[in-house]
PDB file of N, CA and C in Angstrom:
ATOM      1  N   MET A   1      18.432 195.068  23.847  1.00  0.00           N
ATOM      2  CA  MET A   1      17.252 194.473  24.215  1.00  0.00           C
ATOM      3  C   MET A   1      17.232 193.613  22.497  1.00  0.00           C
ATOM      4  N   THR A   2      16.459 192.572  22.553  1.00  0.00           N
ATOM      5  CA  THR A   2      15.904 191.768  21.196  1.00  0.00           C
ATOM      6  C   THR A   2      14.997 192.323  20.846  1.00  0.00           C
ATOM      7  N   GLU A   3      14.514 192.434  18.835  1.00  0.00           N
ATOM      8  CA  GLU A   3      13.189 191.311  18.784  1.00  0.00           C
ATOM      9  C   GLU A   3      12.053 191.077  18.884  1.00  0.00           C
ATOM     10  N   SER A   4      12.659 189.921  19.665  1.00  0.00           N
ATOM     11  CA  SER A   4      11.241 189.778  19.967  1.00  0.00           C
ATOM     12  C   SER A   4      10.985 189.863  21.198  1.00  0.00           C
ATOM     13  N   SER A   5      11.742 191.099  21.737  1.00  0.00           N
ATOM     14  CA  SER A   5      11.041 191.048  23.727  1.00  0.00           C
ATOM     15  C   SER A   5      10.616 192.547  23.202  1.00  0.00           C
ATOM     16  N   SER A   6      10.000 192.896  23.792  1.00  0.00           N
ATOM     17  CA  SER A   6       8.837 194.312  24.716  1.00  0.00           C
ATOM     18  C   SER A   6       9.132 195.023  24.997  1.00  0.00           C
ATOM     19  N   LEU A   7       8.468 196.526  24.558  1.00  0.00           N
ATOM     20  CA  LEU A   7       8.455 196.665  26.754  1.00  0.00           C
ATOM     21  C   LEU A   7       7.359 196.502  27.599  1.00  0.00           C
ATOM     22  N   THR A   8       6.377 195.450  27.352  1.00  0.00           N
ATOM     23  CA  THR A   8       5.479 195.419  28.028  1.00  0.00           C
ATOM     24  C   THR A   8       5.618 193.895  28.230  1.00  0.00           C
ATOM     25  N   GLY A   9       7.031 193.049  28.105  1.00  0.00           N
ATOM     26  CA  GLY A   9       7.078 192.205  28.473  1.00  0.00           C
ATOM     27  C   GLY A   9       6.302 190.531  27.355  1.00  0.00           C
ATOM     28  N   LEU A  10       5.310 191.036  26.756  1.00  0.00           N
ATOM     29  CA  LEU A  10       3.908 190.309  25.982  1.00  0.00           C
ATOM     30  C   LEU A  10       4.796 189.619  24.659  1.00  0.00           C
ATOM     31  N   SER A  11       4.461 188.475  24.585  1.00  0.00           N
ATOM     32  CA  SER A  11       5.021 187.766  23.306  1.00  0.00           C
ATOM     33  C   SER A  11       4.138 188.152  22.333  1.00  0.00           C
ATOM     34  N   ASP A  12       4.290 188.389  20.988  1.00  0.00           N
ATOM     35  CA  ASP A  12       3.756 189.265  19.629  1.00  0.00           C
ATOM     36  C   ASP A  12       1.863 188.272  19.660  1.00  0.00           C
ATOM     37  N   GLY A  13       2.185 186.769  20.054  1.00  0.00           N
ATOM     38  CA  GLY A  13       0.649 186.557  20.501  1.00  0.00           C
ATOM     39  C   GLY A  13      -0.525 186.673  20.769  1.00  0.00           C
ATOM     40  N   ALA A  14      -0.233 187.227  22.530  1.00  0.00           N
ATOM     41  CA  ALA A  14      -0.649 187.805  23.808  1.00  0.00           C
ATOM     42  C   ALA A  14      -0.622 189.307  23.224  1.00  0.00           C
ATOM     43  N   ALA A  15      -0.146 189.727  22.665  1.00  0.00           N
ATOM     44  CA  ALA A  15      -0.535 191.701  22.627  1.00  0.00           C
ATOM     45  C   ALA A  15      -1.315 191.151  21.492  1.00  0.00           C
ATOM     46  N   ARG A  16      -1.069 190.174  20.162  1.00  0.00           N
ATOM     47  CA  ARG A  16      -2.151 190.663  19.513  1.00  0.00           C
ATOM     48  C   ARG A  16      -3.755 190.487  20.121  1.00  0.00           C
ATOM     49  N   GLU A  17      -3.735 189.018  21.157  1.00  0.00           N
ATOM     50  CA  GLU A  17      -4.916 189.025  21.949  1.00  0.00           C
ATOM     51  C   GLU A  17      -6.104 189.984  22.562  1.00  0.00           C
ATOM     52  N   PHE A  18      -4.763 190.283  23.085  1.00  0.00           N
ATOM     53  CA  PHE A  18      -4.882 191.819  23.796  1.00  0.00           C
ATOM     54  C   PHE A  18      -5.283 192.740  22.552  1.00  0.00           C
ATOM     55  N   HIS A  19      -4.090 193.518  22.340  1.00  0.00           N
ATOM     56  CA  HIS A  19      -4.664 194.087  21.295  1.00  0.00           C
ATOM     57  C   HIS A  19      -6.987 193.840  20.016  1.00  0.00           C
ATOM     58  N   SER A  20      -6.706 193.085  20.377  1.00  0.00           N
ATOM     59  CA  SER A  20      -8.887 192.283  19.973  1.00  0.00           C
ATOM     60  C   SER A  20      -9.531 192.581  20.701  1.00  0.00           C
ATOM     61  N   LEU A  21      -8.161 191.713  22.104  1.00  0.00           N
ATOM     62  CA  LEU A  21      -9.437 191.965  22.606  1.00  0.00           C
ATOM     63  C   LEU A  21     -10.009 194.336  22.890  1.00  0.00           C
ATOM     64  N   TYR A  22      -9.110 194.965  22.831  1.00  0.00           N
ATOM     65  CA  TYR A  22      -8.947 196.366  23.830  1.00  0.00           C
ATOM     66  C   TYR A  22      -9.670 196.241  22.569  1.00  0.00           C
ATOM     67  N   VAL A  23      -9.723 196.372  21.274  1.00  0.00           N
ATOM     68  CA  VAL A  23     -10.401 196.895  20.051  1.00  0.00           C
ATOM     69  C   VAL A  23     -11.544 196.362  20.209  1.00  0.00           C
ATOM     70  N   LYS A  24     -12.441 195.546  20.797  1.00  0.00           N
ATOM     71  CA  LYS A  24     -13.659 194.902  20.666  1.00  0.00           C
ATOM     72  C   LYS A  24     -14.648 196.142  22.009  1.00  0.00           C
ATOM     73  N   SER A  25     -13.860 195.770  22.603  1.00  0.00           N
ATOM     74  CA  SER A  25     -14.340 196.551  24.450  1.00  0.00           C
ATOM     75  C   SER A  25     -14.304 197.901  24.122  1.00  0.00           C
ATOM     76  N   THR A  26     -13.725 198.846  23.155  1.00  0.00           N
ATOM     77  CA  THR A  26     -13.744 200.370  22.673  1.00  0.00           C
ATOM     78  C   THR A  26     -15.340 200.362  21.689  1.00  0.00           C
ATOM     79  N   LEU A  27     -15.286 199.287  20.922  1.00  0.00           N
ATOM     80  CA  LEU A  27     -16.036 199.198  19.796  1.00  0.00           C
ATOM     81  C   LEU A  27     -17.868 198.182  20.753  1.00  0.00           C
ATOM     82  N   GLY A  28     -17.351 198.133  22.112  1.00  0.00           N
ATOM     83  CA  GLY A  28     -18.995 198.190  22.372  1.00  0.00           C
ATOM     84  C   GLY A  28     -18.957 199.406  22.887  1.00  0.00           C
ATOM     85  N   PHE A  29     -18.075 199.744  23.771  1.00  0.00           N
ATOM     86  CA  PHE A  29     -18.589 201.090  25.004  1.00  0.00           C
ATOM     87  C   PHE A  29     -19.356 202.285  24.049  1.00  0.00           C
ATOM     88  N   VAL A  30     -18.673 202.358  22.724  1.00  0.00           N
ATOM     89  CA  VAL A  30     -19.015 203.209  21.566  1.00  0.00           C
ATOM     90  C   VAL A  30     -20.352 203.174  20.975  1.00  0.00           C
ATOM     91  N   ALA A  31     -20.441 202.046  20.691  1.00  0.00           N
ATOM     92  CA  ALA A  31     -21.581 201.010  20.863  1.00  0.00           C
ATOM     93  C   ALA A  31     -23.114 201.718  22.103  1.00  0.00           C
ATOM     94  N   VAL A  32     -22.540 201.127  22.976  1.00  0.00           N
ATOM     95  CA  VAL A  32     -23.413 201.624  24.130  1.00  0.00           C
ATOM     96  C   VAL A  32     -23.867 202.886  23.989  1.00  0.00           C
ATOM     97  N   ALA A  33     -22.622 203.862  24.539  1.00  0.00           N
ATOM     98  CA  ALA A  33     -22.530 205.280  24.306  1.00  0.00           C
ATOM     99  C   ALA A  33     -23.750 205.913  23.203  1.00  0.00           C
ATOM    100  N   VAL A  34     -23.621 205.726  21.852  1.00  0.00           N
ATOM    101  CA  VAL A  34     -24.715 206.076  20.200  1.00  0.00           C
ATOM    102  C   VAL A  34     -25.912 206.038  21.406  1.00  0.00           C
ATOM    103  N   VAL A  35     -25.844 204.274  21.852  1.00  0.00           N
ATOM    104  CA  VAL A  35     -27.308 204.009  21.771  1.00  0.00           C
ATOM    105  C   VAL A  35     -27.729 205.008  22.968  1.00  0.00           C
ATOM    106  N   ALA A  36     -27.384 205.460  23.436  1.00  0.00           N
ATOM    107  CA  ALA A  36     -27.795 205.822  25.091  1.00  0.00           C
ATOM    108  C   ALA A  36     -27.493 207.641  24.590  1.00  0.00           C
ATOM    109  N   HIS A  37     -27.078 207.967  23.306  1.00  0.00           N
ATOM    110  CA  HIS A  37     -26.942 209.376  23.408  1.00  0.00           C
ATOM    111  C   HIS A  37     -28.669 209.551  22.602  1.00  0.00           C
ATOM    112  N   LEU A  38     -28.989 208.455  21.311  1.00  0.00           N
ATOM    113  CA  LEU A  38     -30.534 208.671  20.227  1.00  0.00           C
ATOM    114  C   LEU A  38     -31.611 208.315  21.595  1.00  0.00           C
ATOM    115  N   LEU A  39     -30.721 207.077  22.489  1.00  0.00           N
ATOM    116  CA  LEU A  39     -32.326 207.599  23.157  1.00  0.00           C
ATOM    117  C   LEU A  39     -32.331 208.403  24.278  1.00  0.00           C
ATOM    118  N   VAL A  40     -31.324 209.918  24.370  1.00  0.00           N
ATOM    119  CA  VAL A  40     -32.034 211.049  25.243  1.00  0.00           C
ATOM    120  C   VAL A  40     -32.302 211.812  23.977  1.00  0.00           C
ATOM    121  N   TRP A  41     -31.764 211.246  22.722  1.00  0.00           N
ATOM    122  CA  TRP A  41     -32.206 212.584  21.887  1.00  0.00           C
ATOM    123  C   TRP A  41     -33.974 212.726  21.379  1.00  0.00           C
ATOM    124  N   SER A  42     -34.187 211.558  21.504  1.00  0.00           N
ATOM    125  CA  SER A  42     -35.112 210.933  20.948  1.00  0.00           C
ATOM    126  C   SER A  42     -36.279 211.731  22.459  1.00  0.00           C
ATOM    127  N   TRP A  43     -36.193 211.539  23.463  1.00  0.00           N
ATOM    128  CA  TRP A  43     -36.450 211.752  24.841  1.00  0.00           C
ATOM    129  C   TRP A  43     -37.110 213.537  25.016  1.00  0.00           C
ATOM    130  N   ARG A  44     -35.281 213.718  24.740  1.00  0.00           N
ATOM    131  CA  ARG A  44     -35.585 215.596  25.572  1.00  0.00           C
ATOM    132  C   ARG A  44     -34.340 215.897  24.257  1.00  0.00           C
ATOM    133  N   PRO A  45     -34.842 216.326  23.245  1.00  0.00           N
ATOM    134  CA  PRO A  45     -33.342 216.160  22.412  1.00  0.00           C
ATOM    135  C   PRO A  45     -32.461 218.394  22.758  1.00  0.00           C
ATOM    136  N   TRP A  46     -31.381 218.358  22.069  1.00  0.00           N
ATOM    137  CA  TRP A  46     -30.818 219.185  23.002  1.00  0.00           C
ATOM    138  C   TRP A  46     -31.008 219.782  22.098  1.00  0.00           C
ATOM    139  N   PHE A  47     -31.483 220.180  20.658  1.00  0.00           N
ATOM    140  CA  PHE A  47     -30.784 221.460  19.494  1.00  0.00           C
ATOM    141  C   PHE A  47     -32.214 221.921  19.713  1.00  0.00           C
TER     142      PHE A  47
END
């Protein structure tokens, strides 16, 4: 296995692009979850 190959077969640029999309998607999911929790908390607090 050479240094330029990876376990996934992605090139360095493709891996960076995938990672960027993955991070943005994760942050978007977390943001939606936080907003949903705040809305439910304002409707019916659980503490």
